[in-house]
N, C-alpha and C. Protein backbone atom coordinates (compact mmCIF):
# COMPACT_ATOMS: atom_id res chain seq x y z
N MET A 1 37.28 0.13 -28.21
CA MET A 1 36.42 -0.69 -27.38
C MET A 1 35.47 0.21 -26.59
N THR A 2 34.19 -0.16 -26.54
CA THR A 2 33.18 0.62 -25.84
C THR A 2 33.25 0.33 -24.34
N PRO A 3 33.29 1.37 -23.50
CA PRO A 3 33.33 1.13 -22.06
C PRO A 3 32.02 0.51 -21.57
N GLN A 4 32.11 -0.28 -20.51
CA GLN A 4 30.93 -0.90 -19.92
C GLN A 4 30.02 0.19 -19.35
N PRO A 5 28.71 0.07 -19.58
CA PRO A 5 27.80 1.07 -18.99
C PRO A 5 27.75 0.89 -17.48
N ARG A 6 27.57 1.99 -16.81
CA ARG A 6 27.37 1.87 -15.36
C ARG A 6 25.88 1.69 -15.11
N SER A 7 25.56 1.03 -14.01
CA SER A 7 24.14 0.79 -13.71
C SER A 7 23.86 1.11 -12.25
N VAL A 8 22.63 1.48 -12.01
CA VAL A 8 22.16 1.84 -10.68
C VAL A 8 20.82 1.16 -10.48
N PRO A 9 20.62 0.43 -9.36
CA PRO A 9 19.30 -0.14 -9.12
C PRO A 9 18.33 0.95 -8.67
N GLU A 10 17.11 0.87 -9.17
CA GLU A 10 16.09 1.84 -8.80
C GLU A 10 14.78 1.09 -8.57
N SER A 11 14.17 1.32 -7.41
CA SER A 11 12.92 0.63 -7.07
C SER A 11 11.76 1.60 -7.10
N PHE A 12 10.62 1.09 -7.55
CA PHE A 12 9.41 1.89 -7.63
C PHE A 12 8.25 1.08 -7.04
N ALA A 13 7.29 1.77 -6.48
CA ALA A 13 6.03 1.16 -6.06
C ALA A 13 4.96 1.66 -7.02
N PHE A 14 3.99 0.81 -7.31
CA PHE A 14 2.94 1.15 -8.25
C PHE A 14 1.58 0.84 -7.62
N ALA A 15 0.57 1.61 -7.99
CA ALA A 15 -0.80 1.37 -7.54
C ALA A 15 -1.73 1.56 -8.72
N CYS A 16 -2.60 0.58 -8.96
CA CYS A 16 -3.53 0.65 -10.07
C CYS A 16 -4.76 1.46 -9.67
N GLY A 17 -5.12 2.42 -10.51
CA GLY A 17 -6.28 3.25 -10.26
C GLY A 17 -7.59 2.57 -10.58
N ASP A 18 -7.55 1.43 -11.29
CA ASP A 18 -8.78 0.72 -11.63
C ASP A 18 -9.10 -0.38 -10.62
N CYS A 19 -8.16 -1.30 -10.40
CA CYS A 19 -8.47 -2.44 -9.54
C CYS A 19 -7.87 -2.32 -8.14
N GLY A 20 -7.01 -1.32 -7.91
CA GLY A 20 -6.44 -1.11 -6.58
C GLY A 20 -5.22 -1.97 -6.27
N HIS A 21 -4.78 -2.77 -7.22
CA HIS A 21 -3.61 -3.64 -7.00
C HIS A 21 -2.36 -2.79 -6.77
N GLY A 22 -1.53 -3.19 -5.82
CA GLY A 22 -0.27 -2.50 -5.56
C GLY A 22 0.88 -3.47 -5.70
N TRP A 23 1.99 -3.02 -6.22
CA TRP A 23 3.17 -3.88 -6.38
C TRP A 23 4.42 -3.01 -6.43
N GLU A 24 5.55 -3.66 -6.28
CA GLU A 24 6.83 -2.99 -6.38
C GLU A 24 7.72 -3.72 -7.37
N ALA A 25 8.63 -2.99 -7.97
CA ALA A 25 9.58 -3.59 -8.91
C ALA A 25 10.89 -2.82 -8.83
N THR A 26 11.98 -3.55 -9.04
CA THR A 26 13.30 -2.94 -9.07
C THR A 26 13.86 -3.08 -10.48
N PHE A 27 14.42 -2.01 -10.97
CA PHE A 27 14.99 -1.97 -12.31
C PHE A 27 16.46 -1.58 -12.20
N GLN A 28 17.25 -2.02 -13.15
CA GLN A 28 18.61 -1.53 -13.28
C GLN A 28 18.56 -0.41 -14.31
N VAL A 29 19.03 0.76 -13.94
CA VAL A 29 19.10 1.86 -14.89
C VAL A 29 20.52 1.85 -15.44
N MET A 30 20.63 1.60 -16.73
CA MET A 30 21.93 1.51 -17.40
C MET A 30 22.22 2.85 -18.08
N PHE A 31 23.41 3.39 -17.83
CA PHE A 31 23.81 4.66 -18.41
C PHE A 31 24.88 4.40 -19.47
N PHE A 32 24.60 4.86 -20.68
CA PHE A 32 25.51 4.67 -21.81
C PHE A 32 26.02 6.02 -22.30
N THR A 33 27.31 6.09 -22.58
CA THR A 33 27.89 7.28 -23.18
C THR A 33 28.56 6.85 -24.48
N ASP A 34 28.18 7.50 -25.55
CA ASP A 34 28.78 7.19 -26.85
C ASP A 34 30.15 7.84 -26.93
N PRO A 35 31.22 7.03 -27.01
CA PRO A 35 32.56 7.62 -27.03
C PRO A 35 32.84 8.44 -28.29
N LEU A 36 32.06 8.25 -29.35
CA LEU A 36 32.25 9.00 -30.59
C LEU A 36 31.45 10.30 -30.63
N ASP A 37 30.54 10.47 -29.65
CA ASP A 37 29.73 11.68 -29.59
C ASP A 37 30.53 12.78 -28.89
N PRO A 38 30.87 13.86 -29.61
CA PRO A 38 31.70 14.91 -28.99
C PRO A 38 31.00 15.64 -27.84
N SER A 39 29.68 15.59 -27.79
CA SER A 39 28.97 16.29 -26.71
C SER A 39 29.01 15.50 -25.41
N GLY A 40 29.34 14.20 -25.48
CA GLY A 40 29.39 13.38 -24.26
C GLY A 40 28.02 13.06 -23.70
N LEU A 41 27.00 13.14 -24.54
CA LEU A 41 25.63 12.90 -24.12
C LEU A 41 25.47 11.47 -23.58
N THR A 42 24.82 11.34 -22.46
CA THR A 42 24.57 10.04 -21.85
C THR A 42 23.12 9.65 -22.04
N THR A 43 22.87 8.42 -22.43
CA THR A 43 21.51 7.91 -22.54
C THR A 43 21.31 6.85 -21.46
N GLN A 44 20.07 6.60 -21.14
CA GLN A 44 19.79 5.59 -20.12
C GLN A 44 18.76 4.60 -20.64
N GLU A 45 18.82 3.41 -20.09
CA GLU A 45 17.90 2.33 -20.45
C GLU A 45 17.53 1.60 -19.18
N TYR A 46 16.26 1.24 -19.06
CA TYR A 46 15.78 0.47 -17.90
C TYR A 46 15.80 -1.01 -18.25
N VAL A 47 16.26 -1.82 -17.31
CA VAL A 47 16.28 -3.26 -17.47
C VAL A 47 15.48 -3.85 -16.31
N ASP A 48 14.47 -4.69 -16.62
CA ASP A 48 13.62 -5.24 -15.56
C ASP A 48 14.32 -6.39 -14.85
N GLU A 49 13.62 -6.96 -13.85
CA GLU A 49 14.19 -8.02 -13.02
C GLU A 49 14.50 -9.29 -13.81
N ALA A 50 13.85 -9.44 -14.98
CA ALA A 50 14.10 -10.61 -15.83
C ALA A 50 15.23 -10.36 -16.83
N GLY A 51 15.82 -9.15 -16.80
CA GLY A 51 16.92 -8.84 -17.69
C GLY A 51 16.51 -8.27 -19.03
N ARG A 52 15.22 -7.95 -19.20
CA ARG A 52 14.73 -7.40 -20.47
C ARG A 52 14.79 -5.87 -20.45
N ALA A 53 15.21 -5.28 -21.55
CA ALA A 53 15.18 -3.83 -21.69
C ALA A 53 13.72 -3.40 -21.82
N VAL A 54 13.31 -2.42 -21.03
CA VAL A 54 11.93 -1.94 -21.05
C VAL A 54 11.92 -0.43 -21.16
N ARG A 55 10.78 0.10 -21.56
CA ARG A 55 10.60 1.55 -21.57
C ARG A 55 10.55 2.03 -20.13
N SER A 56 10.65 3.31 -19.94
CA SER A 56 10.64 3.86 -18.59
C SER A 56 9.40 3.41 -17.83
N PRO A 57 9.57 2.83 -16.65
CA PRO A 57 8.39 2.43 -15.87
C PRO A 57 7.60 3.64 -15.38
N LEU A 58 8.20 4.81 -15.42
CA LEU A 58 7.50 6.01 -15.00
C LEU A 58 6.47 6.45 -16.03
N ALA A 59 6.67 6.06 -17.28
CA ALA A 59 5.77 6.48 -18.34
C ALA A 59 4.92 5.35 -18.90
N GLU A 60 5.36 4.12 -18.74
CA GLU A 60 4.72 3.00 -19.43
C GLU A 60 4.20 1.92 -18.48
N ALA A 61 3.87 2.26 -17.24
CA ALA A 61 3.44 1.26 -16.28
C ALA A 61 2.06 0.69 -16.66
N VAL A 62 1.94 -0.62 -16.57
CA VAL A 62 0.69 -1.33 -16.84
C VAL A 62 0.43 -2.27 -15.67
N CYS A 63 -0.80 -2.30 -15.17
CA CYS A 63 -1.15 -3.17 -14.06
C CYS A 63 -1.05 -4.64 -14.49
N PRO A 64 -0.28 -5.45 -13.75
CA PRO A 64 -0.17 -6.86 -14.12
C PRO A 64 -1.44 -7.66 -13.83
N ARG A 65 -2.34 -7.12 -12.99
CA ARG A 65 -3.57 -7.84 -12.65
C ARG A 65 -4.67 -7.60 -13.66
N CYS A 66 -4.92 -6.32 -14.01
CA CYS A 66 -6.06 -6.03 -14.89
C CYS A 66 -5.67 -5.42 -16.23
N GLY A 67 -4.39 -5.07 -16.42
CA GLY A 67 -3.95 -4.51 -17.69
C GLY A 67 -4.22 -3.02 -17.86
N SER A 68 -4.69 -2.37 -16.82
CA SER A 68 -5.00 -0.95 -16.90
C SER A 68 -3.73 -0.11 -17.00
N ARG A 69 -3.86 1.04 -17.65
CA ARG A 69 -2.75 2.00 -17.72
C ARG A 69 -2.95 3.14 -16.74
N LYS A 70 -3.99 3.05 -15.90
CA LYS A 70 -4.22 4.07 -14.87
C LYS A 70 -3.40 3.69 -13.64
N VAL A 71 -2.10 3.80 -13.78
CA VAL A 71 -1.17 3.37 -12.74
C VAL A 71 -0.42 4.58 -12.20
N ARG A 72 -0.38 4.68 -10.88
CA ARG A 72 0.38 5.74 -10.23
C ARG A 72 1.70 5.17 -9.76
N VAL A 73 2.75 5.93 -9.93
CA VAL A 73 4.07 5.53 -9.45
C VAL A 73 4.27 6.21 -8.10
N LEU A 74 4.66 5.40 -7.12
CA LEU A 74 4.83 5.88 -5.76
C LEU A 74 6.25 5.68 -5.29
N GLU A 75 6.55 6.26 -4.15
CA GLU A 75 7.85 6.05 -3.51
C GLU A 75 8.00 4.57 -3.17
N ALA A 76 9.18 4.01 -3.43
CA ALA A 76 9.41 2.59 -3.12
C ALA A 76 9.16 2.36 -1.64
N GLY A 77 8.48 1.27 -1.32
CA GLY A 77 8.14 0.93 0.06
C GLY A 77 6.79 1.48 0.49
N LEU A 78 6.24 2.42 -0.24
CA LEU A 78 4.98 3.04 0.15
C LEU A 78 3.83 2.05 0.08
N ALA A 79 3.78 1.22 -0.95
CA ALA A 79 2.70 0.25 -1.08
C ALA A 79 2.72 -0.73 0.08
N GLU A 80 3.89 -1.20 0.45
CA GLU A 80 4.00 -2.16 1.56
C GLU A 80 3.61 -1.50 2.88
N ARG A 81 4.03 -0.26 3.10
CA ARG A 81 3.65 0.44 4.34
C ARG A 81 2.14 0.65 4.39
N ALA A 82 1.52 0.96 3.25
CA ALA A 82 0.06 1.16 3.23
C ALA A 82 -0.66 -0.14 3.54
N ARG A 83 -0.19 -1.26 2.96
CA ARG A 83 -0.81 -2.56 3.25
C ARG A 83 -0.67 -2.91 4.73
N LYS A 84 0.51 -2.65 5.29
CA LYS A 84 0.76 -2.96 6.71
C LYS A 84 -0.15 -2.13 7.61
N THR A 85 -0.28 -0.84 7.29
CA THR A 85 -1.14 0.04 8.07
C THR A 85 -2.59 -0.42 8.00
N GLU A 86 -3.05 -0.78 6.81
CA GLU A 86 -4.42 -1.26 6.63
C GLU A 86 -4.65 -2.53 7.42
N HIS A 87 -3.67 -3.43 7.43
CA HIS A 87 -3.77 -4.68 8.18
C HIS A 87 -3.85 -4.40 9.68
N GLU A 88 -3.03 -3.46 10.16
CA GLU A 88 -3.04 -3.11 11.59
C GLU A 88 -4.37 -2.48 11.98
N ARG A 89 -4.93 -1.65 11.11
CA ARG A 89 -6.23 -1.04 11.42
C ARG A 89 -7.33 -2.09 11.52
N ALA A 90 -7.28 -3.07 10.63
CA ALA A 90 -8.29 -4.13 10.66
C ALA A 90 -8.15 -4.97 11.92
N ALA A 91 -6.92 -5.21 12.36
CA ALA A 91 -6.69 -6.03 13.55
C ALA A 91 -7.01 -5.28 14.84
N HIS A 92 -6.84 -3.96 14.83
CA HIS A 92 -7.08 -3.15 16.02
C HIS A 92 -7.95 -1.95 15.67
N PRO A 93 -9.25 -2.17 15.51
CA PRO A 93 -10.11 -1.04 15.14
C PRO A 93 -10.12 0.01 16.25
N PRO A 94 -10.26 1.27 15.90
CA PRO A 94 -10.27 2.32 16.92
C PRO A 94 -11.51 2.22 17.79
N ARG A 95 -11.34 2.59 19.06
CA ARG A 95 -12.49 2.60 19.98
C ARG A 95 -13.33 3.83 19.67
N HIS A 96 -14.63 3.63 19.64
CA HIS A 96 -15.52 4.76 19.38
C HIS A 96 -15.92 5.37 20.71
N ARG A 97 -15.83 6.67 20.77
CA ARG A 97 -16.24 7.39 21.97
C ARG A 97 -17.53 8.12 21.65
N PRO A 98 -18.44 8.15 22.60
CA PRO A 98 -19.70 8.85 22.33
C PRO A 98 -19.45 10.35 22.16
N HIS A 99 -20.18 10.94 21.24
CA HIS A 99 -20.06 12.37 21.01
C HIS A 99 -21.04 13.08 21.93
N LEU A 100 -20.51 13.96 22.74
CA LEU A 100 -21.36 14.74 23.63
C LEU A 100 -21.43 16.17 23.09
N PRO A 101 -22.64 16.71 23.01
CA PRO A 101 -22.74 18.08 22.50
C PRO A 101 -22.01 19.05 23.42
N HIS A 102 -21.44 20.06 22.83
CA HIS A 102 -20.70 21.06 23.58
C HIS A 102 -21.68 21.93 24.37
N ARG A 103 -21.37 22.12 25.63
CA ARG A 103 -22.22 22.99 26.46
C ARG A 103 -21.38 24.19 26.86
N SER A 104 -21.92 25.33 26.63
CA SER A 104 -21.20 26.53 27.05
C SER A 104 -21.59 26.84 28.50
N PRO A 105 -20.66 27.36 29.27
CA PRO A 105 -20.99 27.69 30.67
C PRO A 105 -22.09 28.75 30.72
N GLU A 106 -22.93 28.59 31.70
CA GLU A 106 -24.02 29.57 31.84
C GLU A 106 -23.45 30.92 32.25
N ARG A 107 -24.01 31.95 31.64
CA ARG A 107 -23.55 33.30 31.95
C ARG A 107 -24.42 33.91 33.04
N PRO A 108 -23.79 34.53 33.98
CA PRO A 108 -24.61 35.23 35.00
C PRO A 108 -25.24 36.49 34.38
N ASP A 109 -26.47 36.81 34.77
CA ASP A 109 -27.14 38.00 34.24
C ASP A 109 -26.78 39.23 35.00
């Protein structure tokens, strides 16, 4: 009987380089060990939130909005923090201070 694979949830944030869309997804990484393989080599498979086996999201990411493959993989939570920061900046724009030219103190002769 084949032992049950162990799984670990792994979350990634993605950002599209073409349209700017950002999203996050969580995958189950399934680890399989072939009991008949004398080397004990372990293979892994990614399973998406819908339960479908998918290729590595690190290598095969596609933007769900525009279909572009110019996708960057980011630390999970980074896309949400960036959106929150952008929203806060829009709500509270920085105060502009007038720029005064630097004056050096006059030197005595």
